[in-house]
Amino acid sequence: MNLKSYLNLYQLLEHDTSSREENRAFGLAHVLLKNKPIDQLVAWQKEHLSKIQKPSLSDTFSSYLYGMTLTLAIIAFILGLFSGIGLLAYSGHEPVNVIYFMAMVVFFPLFTMSLTL
């Protein structure tokens, strides 16, 4: 199961109106999946997927995740571009604060790389 199927399952369970007897009948109808609970959930989800309101929670979350990732990538690119221009434009006449230099050269790229995890 992936994130999309978990979100679909969550949305289905939030609005599920089926009774215990209906769920038991579903379980008895799928004897091959008796000792495979994840496969049972996937089969139940596929059968009831038409009950999800459109747009589904997984589609909405996926679009928000894509938009946020794109926004953060653009911000990181712009900040990296300006920090690179600023660091490469240093002429050597002024003293350098080592903490700011380390922050821009080491910690900022590590921070943006950790956002991808």
Foldseek 3Di string as FASTA:
>chain_A
DDPLLVQLLVQCVVPPPDDPVVLVVLQVVCVVCVPPVVVSSVVVSVVCVVVADPPGPSVVVVVVVVVVVVVLVVVLVVLLVVLVVVVVPDDPPDDDDVVVVCCNPPVSVVVSVVVVD
